[in-house]
PDB file of N, CA and C in Angstrom:
ATOM      1  N   MET A   1       5.577 -10.818  -9.323  1.00  0.00           N
ATOM      2  CA  MET A   1       6.082  -9.638  -8.648  1.00  0.00           C
ATOM      3  C   MET A   1       6.278  -9.970  -7.176  1.00  0.00           C
ATOM      4  N   ASN A   2       7.342  -9.462  -6.611  1.00  0.00           N
ATOM      5  CA  ASN A   2       7.588  -9.610  -5.181  1.00  0.00           C
ATOM      6  C   ASN A   2       6.908  -8.458  -4.456  1.00  0.00           C
ATOM      7  N   VAL A   3       6.022  -8.786  -3.532  1.00  0.00           N
ATOM      8  CA  VAL A   3       5.315  -7.774  -2.749  1.00  0.00           C
ATOM      9  C   VAL A   3       5.828  -7.864  -1.316  1.00  0.00           C
ATOM     10  N   PHE A   4       6.469  -6.793  -0.885  1.00  0.00           N
ATOM     11  CA  PHE A   4       7.008  -6.729   0.470  1.00  0.00           C
ATOM     12  C   PHE A   4       6.134  -5.803   1.300  1.00  0.00           C
ATOM     13  N   ARG A   5       5.819  -6.223   2.510  1.00  0.00           N
ATOM     14  CA  ARG A   5       5.018  -5.390   3.417  1.00  0.00           C
ATOM     15  C   ARG A   5       5.930  -4.820   4.491  1.00  0.00           C
ATOM     16  N   TYR A   6       5.700  -3.570   4.832  1.00  0.00           N
ATOM     17  CA  TYR A   6       6.510  -2.917   5.854  1.00  0.00           C
ATOM     18  C   TYR A   6       6.396  -3.662   7.176  1.00  0.00           C
ATOM     19  N   GLN A   7       7.542  -3.862   7.807  1.00  0.00           N
ATOM     20  CA  GLN A   7       7.593  -4.456   9.141  1.00  0.00           C
ATOM     21  C   GLN A   7       8.431  -3.564  10.042  1.00  0.00           C
ATOM     22  N   THR A   8       8.065  -3.507  11.297  1.00  0.00           N
ATOM     23  CA  THR A   8       8.834  -2.727  12.265  1.00  0.00           C
ATOM     24  C   THR A   8      10.180  -3.403  12.503  1.00  0.00           C
ATOM     25  N   ALA A   9      11.061  -2.714  13.196  1.00  0.00           N
ATOM     26  CA  ALA A   9      12.373  -3.284  13.521  1.00  0.00           C
ATOM     27  C   ALA A   9      12.229  -4.578  14.318  1.00  0.00           C
ATOM     28  N   GLY A  10      11.141  -4.694  15.074  1.00  0.00           N
ATOM     29  CA  GLY A  10      10.880  -5.904  15.851  1.00  0.00           C
ATOM     30  C   GLY A  10      10.199  -7.007  15.060  1.00  0.00           C
ATOM     31  N   GLY A  11       9.928  -6.763  13.768  1.00  0.00           N
ATOM     32  CA  GLY A  11       9.324  -7.775  12.910  1.00  0.00           C
ATOM     33  C   GLY A  11       7.808  -7.769  12.856  1.00  0.00           C
ATOM     34  N   LYS A  12       7.178  -6.774  13.453  1.00  0.00           N
ATOM     35  CA  LYS A  12       5.717  -6.688  13.446  1.00  0.00           C
ATOM     36  C   LYS A  12       5.235  -6.231  12.067  1.00  0.00           C
ATOM     37  N   ASP A  13       4.320  -6.982  11.477  1.00  0.00           N
ATOM     38  CA  ASP A  13       3.771  -6.673  10.157  1.00  0.00           C
ATOM     39  C   ASP A  13       2.548  -5.771  10.327  1.00  0.00           C
ATOM     40  N   LEU A  14       2.762  -4.470  10.213  1.00  0.00           N
ATOM     41  CA  LEU A  14       1.682  -3.506  10.437  1.00  0.00           C
ATOM     42  C   LEU A  14       0.623  -3.540   9.341  1.00  0.00           C
ATOM     43  N   ILE A  15       1.016  -3.907   8.132  1.00  0.00           N
ATOM     44  CA  ILE A  15       0.063  -3.979   7.023  1.00  0.00           C
ATOM     45  C   ILE A  15      -0.921  -5.126   7.277  1.00  0.00           C
ATOM     46  N   ALA A  16      -0.399  -6.297   7.614  1.00  0.00           N
ATOM     47  CA  ALA A  16      -1.251  -7.455   7.897  1.00  0.00           C
ATOM     48  C   ALA A  16      -2.158  -7.178   9.090  1.00  0.00           C
ATOM     49  N   GLU A  17      -1.608  -6.552  10.110  1.00  0.00           N
ATOM     50  CA  GLU A  17      -2.398  -6.234  11.302  1.00  0.00           C
ATOM     51  C   GLU A  17      -3.573  -5.315  10.951  1.00  0.00           C
ATOM     52  N   TYR A  18      -3.314  -4.300  10.142  1.00  0.00           N
ATOM     53  CA  TYR A  18      -4.376  -3.377   9.730  1.00  0.00           C
ATOM     54  C   TYR A  18      -5.455  -4.123   8.941  1.00  0.00           C
ATOM     55  N   LEU A  19      -5.018  -4.903   7.941  1.00  0.00           N
ATOM     56  CA  LEU A  19      -5.983  -5.624   7.105  1.00  0.00           C
ATOM     57  C   LEU A  19      -6.814  -6.604   7.926  1.00  0.00           C
ATOM     58  N   ASP A  20      -6.194  -7.279   8.853  1.00  0.00           N
ATOM     59  CA  ASP A  20      -6.906  -8.263   9.672  1.00  0.00           C
ATOM     60  C   ASP A  20      -7.936  -7.622  10.599  1.00  0.00           C
ATOM     61  N   ASN A  21      -7.775  -6.344  10.895  1.00  0.00           N
ATOM     62  CA  ASN A  21      -8.709  -5.650  11.783  1.00  0.00           C
ATOM     63  C   ASN A  21      -9.817  -4.898  11.054  1.00  0.00           C
ATOM     64  N   LEU A  22      -9.822  -4.951   9.738  1.00  0.00           N
ATOM     65  CA  LEU A  22     -10.896  -4.333   8.958  1.00  0.00           C
ATOM     66  C   LEU A  22     -12.134  -5.224   8.971  1.00  0.00           C
ATOM     67  N   PRO A  23     -13.309  -4.660   8.643  1.00  0.00           N
ATOM     68  CA  PRO A  23     -14.478  -5.515   8.424  1.00  0.00           C
ATOM     69  C   PRO A  23     -14.150  -6.553   7.338  1.00  0.00           C
ATOM     70  N   ALA A  24     -14.773  -7.698   7.406  1.00  0.00           N
ATOM     71  CA  ALA A  24     -14.426  -8.846   6.555  1.00  0.00           C
ATOM     72  C   ALA A  24     -14.338  -8.515   5.069  1.00  0.00           C
ATOM     73  N   ILE A  25     -15.307  -7.795   4.522  1.00  0.00           N
ATOM     74  CA  ILE A  25     -15.318  -7.515   3.083  1.00  0.00           C
ATOM     75  C   ILE A  25     -14.160  -6.603   2.681  1.00  0.00           C
ATOM     76  N   GLU A  26     -13.830  -5.640   3.541  1.00  0.00           N
ATOM     77  CA  GLU A  26     -12.712  -4.736   3.256  1.00  0.00           C
ATOM     78  C   GLU A  26     -11.382  -5.476   3.382  1.00  0.00           C
ATOM     79  N   SER A  27     -11.265  -6.289   4.412  1.00  0.00           N
ATOM     80  CA  SER A  27     -10.060  -7.081   4.622  1.00  0.00           C
ATOM     81  C   SER A  27      -9.813  -8.010   3.436  1.00  0.00           C
ATOM     82  N   ALA A  28     -10.857  -8.686   2.987  1.00  0.00           N
ATOM     83  CA  ALA A  28     -10.736  -9.615   1.862  1.00  0.00           C
ATOM     84  C   ALA A  28     -10.261  -8.894   0.606  1.00  0.00           C
ATOM     85  N   GLU A  29     -10.783  -7.703   0.362  1.00  0.00           N
ATOM     86  CA  GLU A  29     -10.360  -6.955  -0.825  1.00  0.00           C
ATOM     87  C   GLU A  29      -8.890  -6.550  -0.721  1.00  0.00           C
ATOM     88  N   GLY A  30      -8.467  -6.096   0.443  1.00  0.00           N
ATOM     89  CA  GLY A  30      -7.060  -5.724   0.624  1.00  0.00           C
ATOM     90  C   GLY A  30      -6.127  -6.896   0.386  1.00  0.00           C
ATOM     91  N   TRP A  31      -6.453  -8.049   0.972  1.00  0.00           N
ATOM     92  CA  TRP A  31      -5.622  -9.244   0.776  1.00  0.00           C
ATOM     93  C   TRP A  31      -5.645  -9.694  -0.682  1.00  0.00           C
ATOM     94  N   LYS A  32      -6.797  -9.573  -1.337  1.00  0.00           N
ATOM     95  CA  LYS A  32      -6.905  -9.964  -2.746  1.00  0.00           C
ATOM     96  C   LYS A  32      -5.988  -9.106  -3.614  1.00  0.00           C
ATOM     97  N   ILE A  33      -5.941  -7.806  -3.338  1.00  0.00           N
ATOM     98  CA  ILE A  33      -5.069  -6.913  -4.103  1.00  0.00           C
ATOM     99  C   ILE A  33      -3.613  -7.352  -3.962  1.00  0.00           C
ATOM    100  N   LEU A  34      -3.187  -7.631  -2.749  1.00  0.00           N
ATOM    101  CA  LEU A  34      -1.798  -8.050  -2.539  1.00  0.00           C
ATOM    102  C   LEU A  34      -1.500  -9.369  -3.247  1.00  0.00           C
ATOM    103  N   GLU A  35      -2.447 -10.292  -3.186  1.00  0.00           N
ATOM    104  CA  GLU A  35      -2.277 -11.586  -3.854  1.00  0.00           C
ATOM    105  C   GLU A  35      -2.189 -11.416  -5.370  1.00  0.00           C
ATOM    106  N   LYS A  36      -3.083 -10.603  -5.931  1.00  0.00           N
ATOM    107  CA  LYS A  36      -3.095 -10.379  -7.384  1.00  0.00           C
ATOM    108  C   LYS A  36      -1.821  -9.678  -7.848  1.00  0.00           C
ATOM    109  N   LEU A  37      -1.315  -8.759  -7.037  1.00  0.00           N
ATOM    110  CA  LEU A  37      -0.053  -8.102  -7.386  1.00  0.00           C
ATOM    111  C   LEU A  37       1.068  -9.126  -7.490  1.00  0.00           C
ATOM    112  N   GLU A  38       1.104 -10.075  -6.552  1.00  0.00           N
ATOM    113  CA  GLU A  38       2.128 -11.118  -6.595  1.00  0.00           C
ATOM    114  C   GLU A  38       1.975 -11.990  -7.833  1.00  0.00           C
ATOM    115  N   GLU A  39       0.733 -12.351  -8.155  1.00  0.00           N
ATOM    116  CA  GLU A  39       0.477 -13.261  -9.273  1.00  0.00           C
ATOM    117  C   GLU A  39       0.621 -12.588 -10.632  1.00  0.00           C
ATOM    118  N   GLU A  40       0.046 -11.394 -10.777  1.00  0.00           N
ATOM    119  CA  GLU A  40      -0.050 -10.773 -12.099  1.00  0.00           C
ATOM    120  C   GLU A  40       0.921  -9.619 -12.315  1.00  0.00           C
ATOM    121  N   GLY A  41       1.489  -9.107 -11.262  1.00  0.00           N
ATOM    122  CA  GLY A  41       2.547  -8.122 -11.380  1.00  0.00           C
ATOM    123  C   GLY A  41       2.140  -6.733 -11.823  1.00  0.00           C
ATOM    124  N   PHE A  42       3.078  -6.083 -12.477  1.00  0.00           N
ATOM    125  CA  PHE A  42       2.967  -4.675 -12.831  1.00  0.00           C
ATOM    126  C   PHE A  42       1.739  -4.371 -13.686  1.00  0.00           C
ATOM    127  N   ASP A  43       1.394  -5.255 -14.614  1.00  0.00           N
ATOM    128  CA  ASP A  43       0.246  -4.994 -15.490  1.00  0.00           C
ATOM    129  C   ASP A  43      -1.050  -4.883 -14.697  1.00  0.00           C
ATOM    130  N   TYR A  44      -1.207  -5.704 -13.669  1.00  0.00           N
ATOM    131  CA  TYR A  44      -2.392  -5.618 -12.808  1.00  0.00           C
ATOM    132  C   TYR A  44      -2.416  -4.270 -12.107  1.00  0.00           C
ATOM    133  N   LEU A  45      -1.275  -3.861 -11.626  1.00  0.00           N
ATOM    134  CA  LEU A  45      -1.165  -2.577 -10.935  1.00  0.00           C
ATOM    135  C   LEU A  45      -1.528  -1.437 -11.879  1.00  0.00           C
ATOM    136  N   LYS A  46      -0.979  -1.471 -13.064  1.00  0.00           N
ATOM    137  CA  LYS A  46      -1.146  -0.383 -14.025  1.00  0.00           C
ATOM    138  C   LYS A  46      -2.536  -0.366 -14.656  1.00  0.00           C
ATOM    139  N   ASP A  47      -3.060  -1.527 -14.992  1.00  0.00           N
ATOM    140  CA  ASP A  47      -4.286  -1.600 -15.789  1.00  0.00           C
ATOM    141  C   ASP A  47      -5.566  -1.770 -14.985  1.00  0.00           C
ATOM    142  N   ILE A  48      -5.523  -2.386 -13.833  1.00  0.00           N
ATOM    143  CA  ILE A  48      -6.736  -2.754 -13.111  1.00  0.00           C
ATOM    144  C   ILE A  48      -6.993  -1.880 -11.890  1.00  0.00           C
ATOM    145  N   LEU A  49      -5.975  -1.638 -11.106  1.00  0.00           N
ATOM    146  CA  LEU A  49      -6.165  -0.934  -9.838  1.00  0.00           C
ATOM    147  C   LEU A  49      -6.272   0.573 -10.018  1.00  0.00           C
ATOM    148  N   GLU A  50      -6.964   1.194  -9.076  1.00  0.00           N
ATOM    149  CA  GLU A  50      -7.066   2.651  -9.067  1.00  0.00           C
ATOM    150  C   GLU A  50      -5.886   3.196  -8.266  1.00  0.00           C
ATOM    151  N   THR A  51      -4.941   3.785  -8.978  1.00  0.00           N
ATOM    152  CA  THR A  51      -3.732   4.298  -8.340  1.00  0.00           C
ATOM    153  C   THR A  51      -3.531   5.763  -8.692  1.00  0.00           C
ATOM    154  N   ARG A  52      -2.717   6.432  -7.892  1.00  0.00           N
ATOM    155  CA  ARG A  52      -2.332   7.812  -8.212  1.00  0.00           C
ATOM    156  C   ARG A  52      -1.035   8.133  -7.481  1.00  0.00           C
ATOM    157  N   PRO A  53      -0.271   9.079  -8.030  1.00  0.00           N
ATOM    158  CA  PRO A  53       0.959   9.483  -7.346  1.00  0.00           C
ATOM    159  C   PRO A  53       0.645  10.293  -6.096  1.00  0.00           C
ATOM    160  N   ILE A  54       1.401  10.058  -5.054  1.00  0.00           N
ATOM    161  CA  ILE A  54       1.291  10.830  -3.813  1.00  0.00           C
ATOM    162  C   ILE A  54       2.471  11.787  -3.720  1.00  0.00           C
ATOM    163  N   ASP A  55       3.662  11.273  -3.983  1.00  0.00           N
ATOM    164  CA  ASP A  55       4.876  12.086  -3.967  1.00  0.00           C
ATOM    165  C   ASP A  55       5.826  11.483  -4.995  1.00  0.00           C
ATOM    166  N   THR A  56       5.810  12.030  -6.202  1.00  0.00           N
ATOM    167  CA  THR A  56       6.617  11.445  -7.275  1.00  0.00           C
ATOM    168  C   THR A  56       8.111  11.594  -7.009  1.00  0.00           C
ATOM    169  N   LYS A  57       8.501  12.644  -6.318  1.00  0.00           N
ATOM    170  CA  LYS A  57       9.919  12.831  -5.987  1.00  0.00           C
ATOM    171  C   LYS A  57      10.419  11.685  -5.105  1.00  0.00           C
ATOM    172  N   ALA A  58       9.596  11.280  -4.150  1.00  0.00           N
ATOM    173  CA  ALA A  58       9.945  10.162  -3.265  1.00  0.00           C
ATOM    174  C   ALA A  58       9.573   8.813  -3.875  1.00  0.00           C
ATOM    175  N   GLY A  59       8.797   8.820  -4.977  1.00  0.00           N
ATOM    176  CA  GLY A  59       8.390   7.577  -5.632  1.00  0.00           C
ATOM    177  C   GLY A  59       7.242   6.862  -4.952  1.00  0.00           C
ATOM    178  N   ILE A  60       6.446   7.606  -4.187  1.00  0.00           N
ATOM    179  CA  ILE A  60       5.353   7.000  -3.424  1.00  0.00           C
ATOM    180  C   ILE A  60       4.030   7.185  -4.160  1.00  0.00           C
ATOM    181  N   TYR A  61       3.292   6.082  -4.267  1.00  0.00           N
ATOM    182  CA  TYR A  61       1.998   6.073  -4.942  1.00  0.00           C
ATOM    183  C   TYR A  61       0.952   5.469  -4.018  1.00  0.00           C
ATOM    184  N   GLU A  62      -0.294   5.578  -4.440  1.00  0.00           N
ATOM    185  CA  GLU A  62      -1.423   5.127  -3.629  1.00  0.00           C
ATOM    186  C   GLU A  62      -2.278   4.163  -4.439  1.00  0.00           C
ATOM    187  N   ILE A  63      -2.742   3.101  -3.793  1.00  0.00           N
ATOM    188  CA  ILE A  63      -3.752   2.198  -4.356  1.00  0.00           C
ATOM    189  C   ILE A  63      -4.998   2.382  -3.504  1.00  0.00           C
ATOM    190  N   LYS A  64      -6.108   2.676  -4.158  1.00  0.00           N
ATOM    191  CA  LYS A  64      -7.373   2.837  -3.436  1.00  0.00           C
ATOM    192  C   LYS A  64      -8.119   1.508  -3.446  1.00  0.00           C
ATOM    193  N   PHE A  65      -8.740   1.189  -2.310  1.00  0.00           N
ATOM    194  CA  PHE A  65      -9.610   0.014  -2.282  1.00  0.00           C
ATOM    195  C   PHE A  65     -10.744   0.220  -1.296  1.00  0.00           C
ATOM    196  N   LYS A  66     -11.665  -0.659  -1.310  1.00  0.00           N
ATOM    197  CA  LYS A  66     -12.918  -0.669  -0.554  1.00  0.00           C
ATOM    198  C   LYS A  66     -13.025   0.337   0.592  1.00  0.00           C
ATOM    199  N   ARG A  67     -14.064   1.117   0.574  1.00  0.00           N
ATOM    200  CA  ARG A  67     -14.440   1.997   1.688  1.00  0.00           C
ATOM    201  C   ARG A  67     -13.348   2.976   2.109  1.00  0.00           C
ATOM    202  N   HIS A  68     -12.741   3.612   1.156  1.00  0.00           N
ATOM    203  CA  HIS A  68     -11.763   4.675   1.426  1.00  0.00           C
ATOM    204  C   HIS A  68     -10.445   4.193   2.026  1.00  0.00           C
ATOM    205  N   ASN A  69     -10.132   2.918   1.887  1.00  0.00           N
ATOM    206  CA  ASN A  69      -8.842   2.419   2.353  1.00  0.00           C
ATOM    207  C   ASN A  69      -7.789   2.695   1.289  1.00  0.00           C
ATOM    208  N   ARG A  70      -6.562   2.878   1.746  1.00  0.00           N
ATOM    209  CA  ARG A  70      -5.463   3.213   0.855  1.00  0.00           C
ATOM    210  C   ARG A  70      -4.202   2.446   1.233  1.00  0.00           C
ATOM    211  N   PHE A  71      -3.528   1.918   0.207  1.00  0.00           N
ATOM    212  CA  PHE A  71      -2.169   1.413   0.364  1.00  0.00           C
ATOM    213  C   PHE A  71      -1.240   2.496  -0.171  1.00  0.00           C
ATOM    214  N   PHE A  72      -0.174   2.791   0.529  1.00  0.00           N
ATOM    215  CA  PHE A  72       0.891   3.636   0.000  1.00  0.00           C
ATOM    216  C   PHE A  72       2.039   2.696  -0.337  1.00  0.00           C
ATOM    217  N   TYR A  73       2.578   2.833  -1.543  1.00  0.00           N
ATOM    218  CA  TYR A  73       3.606   1.892  -1.972  1.00  0.00           C
ATOM    219  C   TYR A  73       4.744   2.582  -2.701  1.00  0.00           C
ATOM    220  N   LEU A  74       5.834   1.849  -2.813  1.00  0.00           N
ATOM    221  CA  LEU A  74       7.034   2.292  -3.499  1.00  0.00           C
ATOM    222  C   LEU A  74       7.421   1.189  -4.472  1.00  0.00           C
ATOM    223  N   MET A  75       7.525   1.542  -5.753  1.00  0.00           N
ATOM    224  CA  MET A  75       7.972   0.579  -6.765  1.00  0.00           C
ATOM    225  C   MET A  75       9.482   0.684  -6.880  1.00  0.00           C
ATOM    226  N   ILE A  76      10.177  -0.384  -6.558  1.00  0.00           N
ATOM    227  CA  ILE A  76      11.627  -0.406  -6.715  1.00  0.00           C
ATOM    228  C   ILE A  76      11.962  -0.631  -8.186  1.00  0.00           C
ATOM    229  N   ASP A  77      11.275  -1.581  -8.801  1.00  0.00           N
ATOM    230  CA  ASP A  77      11.370  -1.857 -10.231  1.00  0.00           C
ATOM    231  C   ASP A  77      10.115  -2.639 -10.610  1.00  0.00           C
ATOM    232  N   ARG A  78      10.028  -3.119 -11.839  1.00  0.00           N
ATOM    233  CA  ARG A  78       8.803  -3.803 -12.287  1.00  0.00           C
ATOM    234  C   ARG A  78       8.529  -5.099 -11.529  1.00  0.00           C
ATOM    235  N   ASP A  79       9.516  -5.598 -10.809  1.00  0.00           N
ATOM    236  CA  ASP A  79       9.363  -6.878 -10.117  1.00  0.00           C
ATOM    237  C   ASP A  79       9.278  -6.772  -8.601  1.00  0.00           C
ATOM    238  N   ASN A  80       9.447  -5.582  -8.057  1.00  0.00           N
ATOM    239  CA  ASN A  80       9.481  -5.423  -6.601  1.00  0.00           C
ATOM    240  C   ASN A  80       8.699  -4.196  -6.157  1.00  0.00           C
ATOM    241  N   ILE A  81       7.744  -4.439  -5.266  1.00  0.00           N
ATOM    242  CA  ILE A  81       6.923  -3.360  -4.726  1.00  0.00           C
ATOM    243  C   ILE A  81       6.924  -3.474  -3.199  1.00  0.00           C
ATOM    244  N   TYR A  82       7.014  -2.340  -2.546  1.00  0.00           N
ATOM    245  CA  TYR A  82       6.969  -2.295  -1.084  1.00  0.00           C
ATOM    246  C   TYR A  82       5.702  -1.582  -0.648  1.00  0.00           C
ATOM    247  N   ILE A  83       4.874  -2.266   0.122  1.00  0.00           N
ATOM    248  CA  ILE A  83       3.698  -1.639   0.717  1.00  0.00           C
ATOM    249  C   ILE A  83       4.189  -0.973   1.998  1.00  0.00           C
ATOM    250  N   LEU A  84       4.178   0.348   1.996  1.00  0.00           N
ATOM    251  CA  LEU A  84       4.758   1.120   3.092  1.00  0.00           C
ATOM    252  C   LEU A  84       3.780   1.379   4.224  1.00  0.00           C
ATOM    253  N   HIS A  85       2.517   1.582   3.858  1.00  0.00           N
ATOM    254  CA  HIS A  85       1.533   2.022   4.854  1.00  0.00           C
ATOM    255  C   HIS A  85       0.146   1.726   4.297  1.00  0.00           C
ATOM    256  N   VAL A  86      -0.793   1.518   5.183  1.00  0.00           N
ATOM    257  CA  VAL A  86      -2.196   1.353   4.795  1.00  0.00           C
ATOM    258  C   VAL A  86      -3.027   2.132   5.807  1.00  0.00           C
ATOM    259  N   CYS A  87      -4.077   2.777   5.316  1.00  0.00           N
ATOM    260  CA  CYS A  87      -4.904   3.597   6.202  1.00  0.00           C
ATOM    261  C   CYS A  87      -6.280   3.800   5.573  1.00  0.00           C
ATOM    262  N   LYS A  88      -7.159   4.367   6.359  1.00  0.00           N
ATOM    263  CA  LYS A  88      -8.481   4.753   5.871  1.00  0.00           C
ATOM    264  C   LYS A  88      -8.460   6.257   5.669  1.00  0.00           C
ATOM    265  N   LYS A  89      -8.815   6.683   4.474  1.00  0.00           N
ATOM    266  CA  LYS A  89      -8.849   8.107   4.163  1.00  0.00           C
ATOM    267  C   LYS A  89     -10.025   8.736   4.902  1.00  0.00           C
ATOM    268  N   GLN A  90      -9.746   9.767   5.671  1.00  0.00           N
ATOM    269  CA  GLN A  90     -10.776  10.397   6.495  1.00  0.00           C
ATOM    270  C   GLN A  90     -11.352  11.661   5.872  1.00  0.00           C
ATOM    271  N   LYS A  91     -10.577  12.314   5.035  1.00  0.00           N
ATOM    272  CA  LYS A  91     -11.005  13.571   4.421  1.00  0.00           C
ATOM    273  C   LYS A  91     -10.845  13.452   2.921  1.00  0.00           C
ATOM    274  N   ASN A  92     -11.006  14.544   2.201  1.00  0.00           N
ATOM    275  CA  ASN A  92     -10.852  14.507   0.754  1.00  0.00           C
ATOM    276  C   ASN A  92      -9.411  14.295   0.316  1.00  0.00           C
ATOM    277  N   LYS A  93      -8.476  14.631   1.158  1.00  0.00           N
ATOM    278  CA  LYS A  93      -7.068  14.429   0.840  1.00  0.00           C
ATOM    279  C   LYS A  93      -6.482  13.401   1.807  1.00  0.00           C
ATOM    280  N   ALA A  94      -5.479  12.702   1.306  1.00  0.00           N
ATOM    281  CA  ALA A  94      -4.782  11.769   2.198  1.00  0.00           C
ATOM    282  C   ALA A  94      -4.206  12.567   3.361  1.00  0.00           C
ATOM    283  N   GLU A  95      -4.326  12.033   4.519  1.00  0.00           N
ATOM    284  CA  GLU A  95      -3.825  12.712   5.706  1.00  0.00           C
ATOM    285  C   GLU A  95      -2.319  12.952   5.584  1.00  0.00           C
ATOM    286  N   LEU A  96      -1.903  14.149   5.919  1.00  0.00           N
ATOM    287  CA  LEU A  96      -0.482  14.487   5.840  1.00  0.00           C
ATOM    288  C   LEU A  96       0.368  13.577   6.719  1.00  0.00           C
ATOM    289  N   THR A  97      -0.171  13.188   7.860  1.00  0.00           N
ATOM    290  CA  THR A  97       0.606  12.306   8.740  1.00  0.00           C
ATOM    291  C   THR A  97       0.835  10.945   8.084  1.00  0.00           C
ATOM    292  N   ASP A  98      -0.153  10.457   7.338  1.00  0.00           N
ATOM    293  CA  ASP A  98       0.005   9.179   6.640  1.00  0.00           C
ATOM    294  C   ASP A  98       1.050   9.291   5.536  1.00  0.00           C
ATOM    295  N   ILE A  99       1.049  10.408   4.825  1.00  0.00           N
ATOM    296  CA  ILE A  99       2.032  10.621   3.760  1.00  0.00           C
ATOM    297  C   ILE A  99       3.431  10.731   4.355  1.00  0.00           C
ATOM    298  N   ARG A 100       3.553  11.472   5.435  1.00  0.00           N
ATOM    299  CA  ARG A 100       4.861  11.607   6.100  1.00  0.00           C
ATOM    300  C   ARG A 100       5.374  10.245   6.574  1.00  0.00           C
ATOM    301  N   LEU A 101       4.476   9.447   7.116  1.00  0.00           N
ATOM    302  CA  LEU A 101       4.855   8.120   7.592  1.00  0.00           C
ATOM    303  C   LEU A 101       5.330   7.247   6.429  1.00  0.00           C
ATOM    304  N   ALA A 102       4.613   7.288   5.308  1.00  0.00           N
ATOM    305  CA  ALA A 102       5.019   6.516   4.131  1.00  0.00           C
ATOM    306  C   ALA A 102       6.390   6.973   3.636  1.00  0.00           C
ATOM    307  N   LYS A 103       6.635   8.278   3.627  1.00  0.00           N
ATOM    308  CA  LYS A 103       7.944   8.799   3.209  1.00  0.00           C
ATOM    309  C   LYS A 103       9.047   8.323   4.146  1.00  0.00           C
ATOM    310  N   GLN A 104       8.777   8.376   5.432  1.00  0.00           N
ATOM    311  CA  GLN A 104       9.760   7.939   6.424  1.00  0.00           C
ATOM    312  C   GLN A 104      10.098   6.460   6.217  1.00  0.00           C
ATOM    313  N   ARG A 105       9.090   5.652   5.972  1.00  0.00           N
ATOM    314  CA  ARG A 105       9.317   4.219   5.767  1.00  0.00           C
ATOM    315  C   ARG A 105      10.054   3.961   4.459  1.00  0.00           C
ATOM    316  N   ALA A 106       9.783   4.777   3.432  1.00  0.00           N
ATOM    317  CA  ALA A 106      10.489   4.628   2.154  1.00  0.00           C
ATOM    318  C   ALA A 106      11.980   4.889   2.340  1.00  0.00           C
ATOM    319  N   ILE A 107      12.314   5.847   3.180  1.00  0.00           N
ATOM    320  CA  ILE A 107      13.718   6.163   3.451  1.00  0.00           C
ATOM    321  C   ILE A 107      14.412   4.984   4.129  1.00  0.00           C
ATOM    322  N   GLU A 108      13.680   4.265   4.972  1.00  0.00           N
ATOM    323  CA  GLU A 108      14.250   3.114   5.679  1.00  0.00           C
ATOM    324  C   GLU A 108      14.633   1.977   4.737  1.00  0.00           C
ATOM    325  N   ILE A 109      13.953   1.912   3.609  1.00  0.00           N
ATOM    326  CA  ILE A 109      14.172   0.781   2.682  1.00  0.00           C
ATOM    327  C   ILE A 109      15.454   0.922   1.947  1.00  0.00           C
TER     328      ILE A 109
END
């Protein structure tokens, strides 16, 4: 599977920057998820990871990982996934600003 991470117009990889600034164990888990998605593809996403829809109309879903961290992603097809945003969940619901940001980035793609 091709895993694409959101980059700004200037080429800054915000996903990598976020993961690199997490505590070591959380960072390692985030990078492992991205690596496994590339290696094992859709079945890993569907069968192993804890995911849920965030906005099915926009096609945005969430992957949960270590210590309330979340990836927001968009599946283009079974072979291509875009990681739109990553954040730490602060409340019981994903922050509306994070969801809006993921939607905005999905539109850019």
